[in-house]
Structures are given as C-alpha cells and as structure tokens.
Amino acid sequence: MRAPPPKRVRSAADSSYAAAVRPLISAGLWEWIEAHRQSFEPPVGNKVIWEDSQFTAMVIRGPNRRRDFHDDPSDEIFYMLRGAMTLEYMDEGGARRTVAIREGELLLVPAHTPHSPHRPADTWGLVIEIKRGPGDRESLLWFCERCDALVHRVTMSAMDIERDLRAAIVAFDASAALRTCPHCGHVQPEQAPLPSPTP
C-alpha cells in the first residue's frame, strides 16, 4: 500500500497568487451580444468584450462605412460569426488587394499590413488583437480611390477603438480638404458607400 503524499506547506507566494486569481466564468457570446445590442451602430458598430485583458476582443456588426486602412503594430485575428465580409488590404508593392472571409472562417492579418474591413448589413464578426500600451502607436490611412496615393494619415497612441476610430472617420468624411488627393486632385465623396454583400 502506497503512503499518502506529504502535505504541501503553503508559502506566502501561494497566498498572494490565490488572491490574484479571480473566478473564471464562461459566457454565451450571442447572449452577450443581445445584452449590448445598442453598441452595434454604424459607422463602426463594435463593442469590446473584456476591458481588463491583455487582449482586445471585440464583436463587430455590419454594415460599416469605412474606407480607412488600419496599420496595427500587432497581428489581428478576424473570425466571421455570421455572414461574410471582404477585407481590403495594401500589399508590399502598394497595390490594393481583397480577400473574402466567410462565415466560420478566420484570417490572420500580420502587423503593419494596412487593411480596411468591409462588412455588409447583418454580418457579425469577432476581431482579436493585442491591447496597446501608452507607447504603442497605430495609424489610420486613407488612400486615393483613383490613384492609390496616400491622402490622409492619423497616428495615435493607445487608440480607443470605440471612440477614436469613430471620431477619425467622422472628421475625414466632414472635410473636403482631407478627402482631396494631393497627387491627382480626386475628391472622395462625403461618405463611404455601404458594402455590397460579399460574393
């Protein structure tokens, strides 16, 4: 018969660790969405799930009206919960490309890949990225629809995705000067079009 293992002596480190661990509680994602449905309104329509995590995990509802490209200092994961979306991005040579992300599919967007998500109406997605600190900088970029020249850039530290992104989009849309291409003179319309359903 085997002797019982010796009792472990608890140290001060054990008690501080136990005090730091909170109860782990799982939750239904669609129930959470229903409880926060008022947050999912254009032009962005997103809501962060956990505010006290090292990750920023957010649910995003279409439609969105976006033509800005996000330059993120870390990788981003896109997962489509319902429906399909198109992700427009700029390749290494500065050319526009598109990729479809369909329901149940996920896509990794590497850091510093300028990308612009186009979400048709009644689509739902989950985006996960590393939460930025005060020293992390990210940019929103607008490119000319005619010649792809850079038209406008907003760079900030620790951007609040719900507040700062919306404000930057509204400011760009409201300014004819910002929407005018310095290279070819093309003026973008006052508002980005609503995305068509992803083929």
N, C-alpha and C. Protein backbone atom coordinates (compact mmCIF):
# COMPACT_ATOMS: atom_id res chain seq x y z
N MET A 1 0.84 -1.18 0.00
CA MET A 1 0.00 0.00 0.00
C MET A 1 0.88 1.24 0.00
N ARG A 2 0.59 2.14 -0.90
CA ARG A 2 1.39 3.34 -1.04
C ARG A 2 1.02 4.37 0.03
N ALA A 3 2.04 5.01 0.60
CA ALA A 3 1.81 6.03 1.61
C ALA A 3 1.23 7.27 0.96
N PRO A 4 0.34 7.99 1.65
CA PRO A 4 -0.21 9.22 1.08
C PRO A 4 0.88 10.25 0.89
N PRO A 5 0.75 11.11 -0.13
CA PRO A 5 1.79 12.13 -0.36
C PRO A 5 1.84 13.09 0.82
N PRO A 6 3.04 13.62 1.09
CA PRO A 6 3.14 14.57 2.20
C PRO A 6 2.33 15.82 1.91
N LYS A 7 1.81 16.42 2.97
CA LYS A 7 1.04 17.65 2.81
C LYS A 7 1.95 18.78 2.38
N ARG A 8 1.47 19.55 1.43
CA ARG A 8 2.26 20.67 0.93
C ARG A 8 2.13 21.84 1.88
N VAL A 9 3.26 22.44 2.21
CA VAL A 9 3.26 23.61 3.08
C VAL A 9 3.02 24.84 2.21
N ARG A 10 2.01 25.61 2.54
CA ARG A 10 1.68 26.80 1.75
C ARG A 10 2.59 27.95 2.12
N SER A 11 3.10 28.60 1.13
CA SER A 11 4.00 29.73 1.35
C SER A 11 3.25 31.04 1.17
N ALA A 12 3.95 32.13 1.48
CA ALA A 12 3.37 33.47 1.27
C ALA A 12 3.09 33.70 -0.20
N ALA A 13 3.96 33.14 -1.08
CA ALA A 13 3.75 33.30 -2.52
C ALA A 13 2.45 32.63 -2.96
N ASP A 14 2.14 31.46 -2.35
CA ASP A 14 0.91 30.77 -2.69
C ASP A 14 -0.32 31.63 -2.37
N SER A 15 -0.31 32.28 -1.23
CA SER A 15 -1.48 33.07 -0.84
C SER A 15 -1.63 34.31 -1.70
N SER A 16 -0.51 34.92 -2.13
CA SER A 16 -0.64 36.10 -3.00
C SER A 16 -1.12 35.68 -4.38
N TYR A 17 -0.69 34.50 -4.85
CA TYR A 17 -1.16 34.01 -6.14
C TYR A 17 -2.67 33.74 -6.08
N ALA A 18 -3.09 33.07 -5.01
CA ALA A 18 -4.52 32.74 -4.87
C ALA A 18 -5.36 34.00 -4.79
N ALA A 19 -4.83 35.04 -4.16
CA ALA A 19 -5.59 36.28 -4.06
C ALA A 19 -5.74 36.96 -5.41
N ALA A 20 -4.76 36.72 -6.32
CA ALA A 20 -4.79 37.38 -7.63
C ALA A 20 -5.70 36.66 -8.62
N VAL A 21 -6.00 35.40 -8.37
CA VAL A 21 -6.82 34.62 -9.30
C VAL A 21 -8.29 34.89 -9.03
N ARG A 22 -8.99 35.33 -10.06
CA ARG A 22 -10.42 35.56 -9.94
C ARG A 22 -11.18 34.35 -10.45
N PRO A 23 -12.41 34.19 -10.07
CA PRO A 23 -13.20 33.07 -10.62
C PRO A 23 -13.28 33.18 -12.14
N LEU A 24 -13.15 32.06 -12.80
CA LEU A 24 -13.26 32.02 -14.26
C LEU A 24 -14.70 31.72 -14.62
N ILE A 25 -15.28 32.58 -15.42
CA ILE A 25 -16.70 32.45 -15.75
C ILE A 25 -16.84 32.47 -17.27
N SER A 26 -17.41 31.42 -17.82
CA SER A 26 -17.67 31.40 -19.25
C SER A 26 -19.01 32.08 -19.52
N ALA A 27 -19.18 32.52 -20.76
CA ALA A 27 -20.42 33.22 -21.11
C ALA A 27 -20.79 32.89 -22.55
N GLY A 28 -22.08 32.93 -22.84
CA GLY A 28 -22.56 32.73 -24.19
C GLY A 28 -22.35 34.00 -25.00
N LEU A 29 -21.67 33.89 -26.13
CA LEU A 29 -21.35 35.08 -26.93
C LEU A 29 -22.61 35.75 -27.47
N TRP A 30 -23.56 34.98 -27.96
CA TRP A 30 -24.77 35.60 -28.51
C TRP A 30 -25.62 36.25 -27.43
N GLU A 31 -25.60 35.69 -26.21
CA GLU A 31 -26.30 36.34 -25.10
C GLU A 31 -25.64 37.67 -24.76
N TRP A 32 -24.30 37.69 -24.79
CA TRP A 32 -23.57 38.94 -24.54
C TRP A 32 -23.90 39.98 -25.62
N ILE A 33 -23.97 39.54 -26.87
CA ILE A 33 -24.30 40.45 -27.96
C ILE A 33 -25.69 41.05 -27.75
N GLU A 34 -26.66 40.23 -27.39
CA GLU A 34 -28.02 40.74 -27.16
C GLU A 34 -28.05 41.77 -26.03
N ALA A 35 -27.24 41.55 -24.99
CA ALA A 35 -27.21 42.48 -23.86
C ALA A 35 -26.58 43.82 -24.21
N HIS A 36 -25.79 43.86 -25.30
CA HIS A 36 -25.10 45.09 -25.70
C HIS A 36 -25.49 45.55 -27.11
N ARG A 37 -26.65 45.14 -27.56
CA ARG A 37 -27.05 45.38 -28.96
C ARG A 37 -27.02 46.86 -29.34
N GLN A 38 -27.29 47.77 -28.40
CA GLN A 38 -27.31 49.21 -28.73
C GLN A 38 -25.92 49.72 -29.13
N SER A 39 -24.85 48.99 -28.82
CA SER A 39 -23.49 49.43 -29.16
C SER A 39 -23.14 49.19 -30.62
N PHE A 40 -23.91 48.38 -31.31
CA PHE A 40 -23.53 47.96 -32.65
C PHE A 40 -24.20 48.81 -33.73
N GLU A 41 -23.84 50.08 -33.76
CA GLU A 41 -24.41 51.01 -34.74
C GLU A 41 -23.31 51.54 -35.66
N PRO A 42 -23.62 51.81 -36.94
CA PRO A 42 -22.63 52.38 -37.86
C PRO A 42 -22.13 53.73 -37.35
N PRO A 43 -20.93 54.25 -37.75
CA PRO A 43 -20.15 53.73 -38.87
C PRO A 43 -19.27 52.53 -38.54
N VAL A 44 -19.04 52.23 -37.28
CA VAL A 44 -18.14 51.14 -36.93
C VAL A 44 -18.91 49.97 -36.34
N GLY A 45 -19.78 50.19 -35.38
CA GLY A 45 -20.64 49.15 -34.83
C GLY A 45 -19.89 48.07 -34.09
N ASN A 46 -19.04 48.46 -33.12
CA ASN A 46 -18.29 47.44 -32.40
C ASN A 46 -18.37 47.64 -30.89
N LYS A 47 -18.04 46.57 -30.16
CA LYS A 47 -18.03 46.61 -28.71
C LYS A 47 -16.96 45.65 -28.20
N VAL A 48 -16.10 46.15 -27.31
CA VAL A 48 -15.05 45.33 -26.71
C VAL A 48 -15.69 44.43 -25.65
N ILE A 49 -15.29 43.17 -25.63
CA ILE A 49 -15.88 42.20 -24.71
C ILE A 49 -15.30 42.34 -23.31
N TRP A 50 -13.98 42.27 -23.18
CA TRP A 50 -13.32 42.36 -21.87
C TRP A 50 -12.45 43.61 -21.84
N GLU A 51 -12.64 44.45 -20.86
CA GLU A 51 -11.83 45.66 -20.73
C GLU A 51 -10.54 45.41 -19.94
N ASP A 52 -10.48 44.33 -19.16
CA ASP A 52 -9.35 44.10 -18.26
C ASP A 52 -8.50 42.91 -18.70
N SER A 53 -8.28 42.79 -19.99
CA SER A 53 -7.49 41.69 -20.54
C SER A 53 -6.30 42.25 -21.31
N GLN A 54 -5.27 41.42 -21.50
CA GLN A 54 -4.15 41.84 -22.35
C GLN A 54 -4.54 41.81 -23.83
N PHE A 55 -5.69 41.22 -24.13
CA PHE A 55 -6.20 41.19 -25.49
C PHE A 55 -7.36 42.18 -25.64
N THR A 56 -7.50 42.71 -26.83
CA THR A 56 -8.72 43.43 -27.18
C THR A 56 -9.52 42.48 -28.07
N ALA A 57 -10.61 41.97 -27.53
CA ALA A 57 -11.50 41.09 -28.28
C ALA A 57 -12.80 41.85 -28.47
N MET A 58 -13.19 42.06 -29.72
CA MET A 58 -14.39 42.86 -29.96
C MET A 58 -15.29 42.18 -30.97
N VAL A 59 -16.58 42.38 -30.77
CA VAL A 59 -17.59 41.92 -31.72
C VAL A 59 -17.96 43.11 -32.58
N ILE A 60 -18.08 42.87 -33.89
CA ILE A 60 -18.37 43.94 -34.84
C ILE A 60 -19.53 43.51 -35.72
N ARG A 61 -20.49 44.43 -35.86
CA ARG A 61 -21.67 44.16 -36.68
C ARG A 61 -21.64 45.03 -37.94
N GLY A 62 -22.02 44.44 -39.07
CA GLY A 62 -22.19 45.22 -40.29
C GLY A 62 -23.61 45.74 -40.38
N PRO A 63 -23.85 46.80 -41.14
CA PRO A 63 -22.88 47.34 -42.10
C PRO A 63 -21.95 48.36 -41.46
N ASN A 64 -20.79 48.51 -42.07
CA ASN A 64 -19.92 49.61 -41.71
C ASN A 64 -19.65 50.45 -42.96
N ARG A 65 -19.32 51.70 -42.74
CA ARG A 65 -18.97 52.60 -43.85
C ARG A 65 -17.54 53.02 -43.63
N ARG A 66 -16.62 52.23 -44.16
CA ARG A 66 -15.20 52.52 -43.93
C ARG A 66 -14.42 52.52 -45.23
N ARG A 67 -13.49 53.47 -45.31
CA ARG A 67 -12.52 53.47 -46.40
C ARG A 67 -11.12 53.69 -45.86
N ASP A 68 -11.03 53.88 -44.52
CA ASP A 68 -9.71 53.98 -43.90
C ASP A 68 -9.06 52.60 -43.84
N PHE A 69 -7.74 52.60 -43.80
CA PHE A 69 -6.96 51.37 -43.64
C PHE A 69 -6.26 51.44 -42.30
N HIS A 70 -6.34 50.37 -41.54
CA HIS A 70 -5.76 50.32 -40.20
C HIS A 70 -4.35 49.75 -40.30
N ASP A 71 -3.36 50.46 -39.76
CA ASP A 71 -1.99 49.98 -39.65
C ASP A 71 -1.76 49.66 -38.18
N ASP A 72 -1.85 48.38 -37.83
CA ASP A 72 -1.80 47.92 -36.45
C ASP A 72 -0.39 47.44 -36.12
N PRO A 73 0.15 47.80 -34.94
CA PRO A 73 1.50 47.35 -34.59
C PRO A 73 1.58 45.87 -34.21
N SER A 74 0.45 45.18 -34.10
CA SER A 74 0.46 43.75 -33.80
C SER A 74 -0.47 43.01 -34.76
N ASP A 75 -0.35 41.69 -34.78
CA ASP A 75 -1.23 40.87 -35.61
C ASP A 75 -2.69 41.05 -35.16
N GLU A 76 -3.61 40.83 -36.10
CA GLU A 76 -5.04 40.82 -35.79
C GLU A 76 -5.64 39.52 -36.30
N ILE A 77 -6.59 38.98 -35.56
CA ILE A 77 -7.31 37.78 -35.97
C ILE A 77 -8.75 38.17 -36.26
N PHE A 78 -9.22 37.85 -37.46
CA PHE A 78 -10.60 38.08 -37.88
C PHE A 78 -11.32 36.74 -37.95
N TYR A 79 -12.50 36.66 -37.32
CA TYR A 79 -13.32 35.46 -37.38
C TYR A 79 -14.76 35.88 -37.67
N MET A 80 -15.38 35.25 -38.66
CA MET A 80 -16.75 35.61 -39.02
C MET A 80 -17.74 34.69 -38.30
N LEU A 81 -18.55 35.32 -37.45
CA LEU A 81 -19.58 34.61 -36.70
C LEU A 81 -20.81 34.34 -37.55
N ARG A 82 -21.20 35.33 -38.35
CA ARG A 82 -22.40 35.22 -39.18
C ARG A 82 -22.20 36.02 -40.45
N GLY A 83 -22.44 35.40 -41.59
CA GLY A 83 -22.30 36.09 -42.86
C GLY A 83 -20.85 36.13 -43.34
N ALA A 84 -20.61 36.94 -44.37
CA ALA A 84 -19.28 37.04 -44.97
C ALA A 84 -18.91 38.51 -45.16
N MET A 85 -17.63 38.80 -45.12
CA MET A 85 -17.13 40.16 -45.30
C MET A 85 -15.96 40.13 -46.27
N THR A 86 -15.58 41.32 -46.73
CA THR A 86 -14.40 41.48 -47.57
C THR A 86 -13.38 42.32 -46.83
N LEU A 87 -12.14 41.87 -46.82
CA LEU A 87 -11.06 42.65 -46.23
C LEU A 87 -10.19 43.17 -47.37
N GLU A 88 -10.13 44.49 -47.49
CA GLU A 88 -9.28 45.13 -48.48
C GLU A 88 -7.95 45.42 -47.79
N TYR A 89 -6.84 45.21 -48.50
CA TYR A 89 -5.54 45.50 -47.89
C TYR A 89 -4.56 45.98 -48.95
N MET A 90 -3.49 46.61 -48.49
CA MET A 90 -2.44 47.09 -49.39
C MET A 90 -1.28 46.09 -49.31
N ASP A 91 -0.84 45.60 -50.47
CA ASP A 91 0.27 44.64 -50.46
C ASP A 91 1.62 45.35 -50.37
N GLU A 92 2.70 44.58 -50.41
CA GLU A 92 4.03 45.15 -50.23
C GLU A 92 4.37 46.20 -51.29
N GLY A 93 3.78 46.06 -52.46
CA GLY A 93 4.04 47.00 -53.55
C GLY A 93 3.10 48.20 -53.57
N GLY A 94 2.20 48.29 -52.58
CA GLY A 94 1.27 49.42 -52.51
C GLY A 94 0.03 49.25 -53.37
N ALA A 95 -0.25 48.00 -53.80
CA ALA A 95 -1.45 47.74 -54.62
C ALA A 95 -2.57 47.22 -53.73
N ARG A 96 -3.81 47.61 -54.06
CA ARG A 96 -4.98 47.13 -53.31
C ARG A 96 -5.26 45.68 -53.66
N ARG A 97 -5.58 44.91 -52.64
CA ARG A 97 -5.99 43.52 -52.80
C ARG A 97 -7.22 43.30 -51.93
N THR A 98 -7.99 42.25 -52.21
CA THR A 98 -9.14 41.91 -51.38
C THR A 98 -9.14 40.41 -51.09
N VAL A 99 -9.68 40.07 -49.92
CA VAL A 99 -9.86 38.67 -49.56
C VAL A 99 -11.21 38.56 -48.87
N ALA A 100 -11.96 37.53 -49.21
CA ALA A 100 -13.25 37.28 -48.56
C ALA A 100 -13.04 36.43 -47.31
N ILE A 101 -13.76 36.76 -46.24
CA ILE A 101 -13.78 35.94 -45.03
C ILE A 101 -15.23 35.52 -44.83
N ARG A 102 -15.50 34.23 -44.97
CA ARG A 102 -16.86 33.72 -44.93
C ARG A 102 -17.22 33.20 -43.53
N GLU A 103 -18.50 33.00 -43.32
CA GLU A 103 -18.99 32.54 -42.01
C GLU A 103 -18.22 31.29 -41.57
N GLY A 104 -17.71 31.33 -40.34
CA GLY A 104 -16.95 30.21 -39.80
C GLY A 104 -15.47 30.23 -40.16
N GLU A 105 -15.03 31.16 -41.00
CA GLU A 105 -13.62 31.26 -41.39
C GLU A 105 -12.90 32.29 -40.53
N LEU A 106 -11.58 32.08 -40.39
CA LEU A 106 -10.78 33.09 -39.73
C LEU A 106 -9.57 33.43 -40.56
N LEU A 107 -9.02 34.60 -40.28
CA LEU A 107 -7.91 35.13 -41.07
C LEU A 107 -6.96 35.87 -40.14
N LEU A 108 -5.66 35.62 -40.29
CA LEU A 108 -4.64 36.34 -39.55
C LEU A 108 -4.11 37.46 -40.42
N VAL A 109 -4.18 38.70 -39.93
CA VAL A 109 -3.61 39.85 -40.63
C VAL A 109 -2.32 40.23 -39.91
N PRO A 110 -1.16 40.06 -40.57
CA PRO A 110 0.11 40.38 -39.90
C PRO A 110 0.22 41.86 -39.54
N ALA A 111 1.01 42.13 -38.51
CA ALA A 111 1.25 43.50 -38.07
C ALA A 111 1.70 44.38 -39.24
N HIS A 112 1.28 45.62 -39.21
CA HIS A 112 1.65 46.65 -40.20
C HIS A 112 1.22 46.32 -41.62
N THR A 113 0.14 45.54 -41.74
CA THR A 113 -0.49 45.33 -43.05
C THR A 113 -1.70 46.27 -43.10
N PRO A 114 -1.64 47.36 -43.86
CA PRO A 114 -2.80 48.26 -43.91
C PRO A 114 -4.02 47.52 -44.45
N HIS A 115 -5.11 47.56 -43.70
CA HIS A 115 -6.29 46.79 -44.09
C HIS A 115 -7.56 47.57 -43.76
N SER A 116 -8.59 47.31 -44.56
CA SER A 116 -9.87 48.01 -44.42
C SER A 116 -11.00 46.98 -44.49
N PRO A 117 -11.69 46.75 -43.37
CA PRO A 117 -12.76 45.76 -43.37
C PRO A 117 -14.06 46.33 -43.94
N HIS A 118 -14.70 45.56 -44.81
CA HIS A 118 -15.98 45.96 -45.40
C HIS A 118 -17.01 44.90 -45.03
N ARG A 119 -17.92 45.30 -44.14
CA ARG A 119 -18.90 44.36 -43.57
C ARG A 119 -20.30 44.72 -44.08
N PRO A 120 -20.92 43.83 -44.86
CA PRO A 120 -22.30 44.09 -45.29
C PRO A 120 -23.28 44.04 -44.12
N ALA A 121 -24.50 44.46 -44.38
CA ALA A 121 -25.54 44.51 -43.34
C ALA A 121 -25.77 43.13 -42.73
N ASP A 122 -26.03 43.14 -41.41
CA ASP A 122 -26.40 41.95 -40.66
C ASP A 122 -25.35 40.86 -40.67
N THR A 123 -24.09 41.25 -40.80
CA THR A 123 -22.99 40.32 -40.61
C THR A 123 -22.39 40.58 -39.23
N TRP A 124 -21.83 39.55 -38.63
CA TRP A 124 -21.24 39.65 -37.30
C TRP A 124 -19.88 39.01 -37.31
N GLY A 125 -18.89 39.71 -36.74
CA GLY A 125 -17.54 39.18 -36.69
C GLY A 125 -16.90 39.39 -35.33
N LEU A 126 -15.84 38.64 -35.10
CA LEU A 126 -15.04 38.76 -33.89
C LEU A 126 -13.62 39.12 -34.33
N VAL A 127 -13.04 40.16 -33.72
CA VAL A 127 -11.65 40.56 -34.01
C VAL A 127 -10.88 40.53 -32.69
N ILE A 128 -9.70 39.92 -32.73
CA ILE A 128 -8.85 39.83 -31.54
C ILE A 128 -7.48 40.39 -31.88
N GLU A 129 -6.99 41.27 -31.01
CA GLU A 129 -5.66 41.85 -31.18
C GLU A 129 -5.05 42.11 -29.81
N ILE A 130 -3.76 42.38 -29.79
CA ILE A 130 -3.07 42.70 -28.53
C ILE A 130 -3.45 44.12 -28.11
N LYS A 131 -3.79 44.27 -26.84
CA LYS A 131 -4.11 45.61 -26.33
C LYS A 131 -2.84 46.46 -26.34
N ARG A 132 -2.97 47.66 -26.86
CA ARG A 132 -1.81 48.55 -26.93
C ARG A 132 -1.59 49.29 -25.62
N GLY A 133 -0.32 49.57 -25.36
CA GLY A 133 0.05 50.37 -24.21
C GLY A 133 0.29 51.81 -24.63
N PRO A 134 0.63 52.68 -23.68
CA PRO A 134 0.82 54.10 -23.98
C PRO A 134 1.89 54.38 -25.03
N GLY A 135 2.89 53.49 -25.13
CA GLY A 135 3.97 53.73 -26.09
C GLY A 135 3.71 53.14 -27.47
N ASP A 136 2.64 52.37 -27.63
CA ASP A 136 2.34 51.74 -28.92
C ASP A 136 1.60 52.72 -29.81
N ARG A 137 2.05 52.83 -31.05
CA ARG A 137 1.44 53.77 -31.99
C ARG A 137 0.82 52.99 -33.14
N GLU A 138 -0.35 53.44 -33.56
CA GLU A 138 -1.01 52.84 -34.72
C GLU A 138 -1.59 53.95 -35.57
N SER A 139 -1.87 53.61 -36.82
CA SER A 139 -2.31 54.64 -37.76
C SER A 139 -3.57 54.22 -38.49
N LEU A 140 -4.34 55.24 -38.88
CA LEU A 140 -5.43 55.08 -39.84
C LEU A 140 -4.99 55.81 -41.09
N LEU A 141 -5.10 55.14 -42.22
CA LEU A 141 -4.62 55.68 -43.50
C LEU A 141 -5.78 55.72 -44.49
N TRP A 142 -5.84 56.80 -45.27
CA TRP A 142 -6.80 56.90 -46.35
C TRP A 142 -6.02 57.03 -47.65
N PHE A 143 -6.39 56.21 -48.63
CA PHE A 143 -5.74 56.23 -49.92
C PHE A 143 -6.71 56.73 -50.98
N CYS A 144 -6.17 57.36 -52.01
CA CYS A 144 -7.00 57.85 -53.11
C CYS A 144 -7.68 56.68 -53.81
N GLU A 145 -8.96 56.82 -54.06
CA GLU A 145 -9.72 55.77 -54.75
C GLU A 145 -9.33 55.67 -56.22
N ARG A 146 -8.72 56.73 -56.76
CA ARG A 146 -8.37 56.75 -58.18
C ARG A 146 -6.93 56.30 -58.41
N CYS A 147 -5.95 56.83 -57.62
CA CYS A 147 -4.54 56.55 -57.91
C CYS A 147 -3.81 55.83 -56.78
N ASP A 148 -4.48 55.56 -55.67
CA ASP A 148 -3.92 54.86 -54.52
C ASP A 148 -2.83 55.63 -53.77
N ALA A 149 -2.68 56.93 -54.05
CA ALA A 149 -1.75 57.74 -53.27
C ALA A 149 -2.29 57.93 -51.85
N LEU A 150 -1.40 58.10 -50.89
CA LEU A 150 -1.82 58.37 -49.53
C LEU A 150 -2.43 59.76 -49.46
N VAL A 151 -3.67 59.84 -48.95
CA VAL A 151 -4.40 61.10 -48.88
C VAL A 151 -4.35 61.70 -47.47
N HIS A 152 -4.46 60.84 -46.46
CA HIS A 152 -4.53 61.34 -45.08
C HIS A 152 -4.08 60.24 -44.13
N ARG A 153 -3.44 60.66 -43.03
CA ARG A 153 -2.98 59.71 -42.01
C ARG A 153 -3.26 60.30 -40.63
N VAL A 154 -3.78 59.46 -39.74
CA VAL A 154 -3.96 59.82 -38.33
C VAL A 154 -3.19 58.78 -37.53
N THR A 155 -2.22 59.22 -36.74
CA THR A 155 -1.43 58.32 -35.90
C THR A 155 -1.65 58.69 -34.45
N MET A 156 -1.86 57.70 -33.62
CA MET A 156 -2.12 57.96 -32.20
C MET A 156 -1.58 56.82 -31.36
N SER A 157 -1.43 57.09 -30.08
CA SER A 157 -1.01 56.08 -29.12
C SER A 157 -2.23 55.59 -28.35
N ALA A 158 -2.23 54.28 -28.07
CA ALA A 158 -3.30 53.66 -27.26
C ALA A 158 -4.69 54.09 -27.73
N MET A 159 -4.96 53.89 -29.01
CA MET A 159 -6.23 54.29 -29.59
C MET A 159 -7.38 53.52 -28.94
N ASP A 160 -8.42 54.24 -28.59
CA ASP A 160 -9.67 53.64 -28.12
C ASP A 160 -10.49 53.33 -29.35
N ILE A 161 -10.62 52.03 -29.65
CA ILE A 161 -11.25 51.62 -30.91
C ILE A 161 -12.69 52.09 -31.02
N GLU A 162 -13.39 52.18 -29.90
CA GLU A 162 -14.79 52.58 -29.96
C GLU A 162 -14.95 54.08 -30.11
N ARG A 163 -14.06 54.86 -29.49
CA ARG A 163 -14.20 56.32 -29.50
C ARG A 163 -13.35 56.97 -30.60
N ASP A 164 -12.04 56.66 -30.63
CA ASP A 164 -11.11 57.37 -31.51
C ASP A 164 -11.30 57.01 -32.98
N LEU A 165 -11.58 55.75 -33.26
CA LEU A 165 -11.79 55.34 -34.66
C LEU A 165 -13.01 56.05 -35.24
N ARG A 166 -14.09 56.06 -34.50
CA ARG A 166 -15.32 56.72 -34.96
C ARG A 166 -15.06 58.21 -35.21
N ALA A 167 -14.33 58.88 -34.28
CA ALA A 167 -14.05 60.31 -34.42
C ALA A 167 -13.19 60.60 -35.64
N ALA A 168 -12.21 59.74 -35.91
CA ALA A 168 -11.34 59.95 -37.08
C ALA A 168 -12.12 59.79 -38.38
N ILE A 169 -13.01 58.82 -38.44
CA ILE A 169 -13.82 58.62 -39.65
C ILE A 169 -14.74 59.82 -39.88
N VAL A 170 -15.39 60.28 -38.82
CA VAL A 170 -16.30 61.43 -38.94
C VAL A 170 -15.54 62.68 -39.39
N ALA A 171 -14.33 62.91 -38.85
CA ALA A 171 -13.53 64.08 -39.22
C ALA A 171 -13.12 64.02 -40.69
N PHE A 172 -12.71 62.85 -41.16
CA PHE A 172 -12.33 62.71 -42.58
C PHE A 172 -13.52 62.96 -43.49
N ASP A 173 -14.65 62.34 -43.17
CA ASP A 173 -15.85 62.49 -44.01
C ASP A 173 -16.31 63.94 -44.08
N ALA A 174 -16.10 64.71 -43.01
CA ALA A 174 -16.60 66.08 -42.95
C ALA A 174 -15.70 67.10 -43.66
N SER A 175 -14.51 66.70 -44.07
CA SER A 175 -13.54 67.65 -44.62
C SER A 175 -13.23 67.38 -46.08
N ALA A 176 -13.64 68.29 -46.95
CA ALA A 176 -13.30 68.16 -48.38
C ALA A 176 -11.79 68.24 -48.58
N ALA A 177 -11.11 69.04 -47.76
CA ALA A 177 -9.65 69.16 -47.90
C ALA A 177 -8.97 67.83 -47.60
N LEU A 178 -9.41 67.13 -46.56
CA LEU A 178 -8.81 65.83 -46.24
C LEU A 178 -9.13 64.79 -47.30
N ARG A 179 -10.29 64.91 -47.93
CA ARG A 179 -10.72 63.91 -48.92
C ARG A 179 -10.15 64.17 -50.32
N THR A 180 -9.38 65.26 -50.48
CA THR A 180 -8.81 65.61 -51.78
C THR A 180 -7.41 65.02 -51.92
N CYS A 181 -7.17 64.29 -52.99
CA CYS A 181 -5.88 63.65 -53.23
C CYS A 181 -4.84 64.71 -53.61
N PRO A 182 -3.71 64.79 -52.92
CA PRO A 182 -2.68 65.77 -53.27
C PRO A 182 -1.94 65.39 -54.55
N HIS A 183 -2.10 64.16 -55.01
CA HIS A 183 -1.38 63.69 -56.20
C HIS A 183 -2.17 63.92 -57.49
N CYS A 184 -3.46 63.49 -57.49
CA CYS A 184 -4.24 63.60 -58.74
C CYS A 184 -5.43 64.55 -58.63
N GLY A 185 -5.74 65.05 -57.43
CA GLY A 185 -6.83 66.00 -57.26
C GLY A 185 -8.21 65.39 -57.10
N HIS A 186 -8.31 64.08 -57.14
CA HIS A 186 -9.61 63.42 -56.97
C HIS A 186 -10.17 63.71 -55.57
N VAL A 187 -11.47 64.03 -55.49
CA VAL A 187 -12.12 64.28 -54.21
C VAL A 187 -13.05 63.11 -53.92
N GLN A 188 -12.83 62.44 -52.81
CA GLN A 188 -13.69 61.33 -52.43
C GLN A 188 -15.03 61.86 -51.95
N PRO A 189 -16.11 61.09 -52.12
CA PRO A 189 -17.43 61.54 -51.65
C PRO A 189 -17.46 61.71 -50.14
N GLU A 190 -18.50 62.38 -49.66
CA GLU A 190 -18.59 62.71 -48.23
C GLU A 190 -18.71 61.48 -47.33
N GLN A 191 -19.19 60.40 -47.87
CA GLN A 191 -19.36 59.20 -47.05
C GLN A 191 -19.00 57.97 -47.86
N ALA A 192 -18.36 57.03 -47.18
CA ALA A 192 -18.05 55.77 -47.85
C ALA A 192 -19.34 55.03 -48.17
N PRO A 193 -19.36 54.29 -49.28
CA PRO A 193 -20.59 53.56 -49.62
C PRO A 193 -20.81 52.39 -48.68
N LEU A 194 -22.06 51.97 -48.55
CA LEU A 194 -22.37 50.76 -47.80
C LEU A 194 -21.82 49.55 -48.58
N PRO A 195 -21.18 48.61 -47.90
CA PRO A 195 -20.63 47.46 -48.61
C PRO A 195 -21.73 46.58 -49.21
N SER A 196 -21.46 46.08 -50.40
CA SER A 196 -22.36 45.11 -51.03
C SER A 196 -22.13 43.73 -50.41
N PRO A 197 -23.10 42.85 -50.51
CA PRO A 197 -22.88 41.50 -49.99
C PRO A 197 -21.64 40.87 -50.62
N THR A 198 -20.88 40.15 -49.82
CA THR A 198 -19.66 39.51 -50.30
C THR A 198 -20.01 38.35 -51.20
N PRO A 199 -19.48 38.33 -52.44
CA PRO A 199 -19.82 37.23 -53.37
C PRO A 199 -19.22 35.90 -52.90
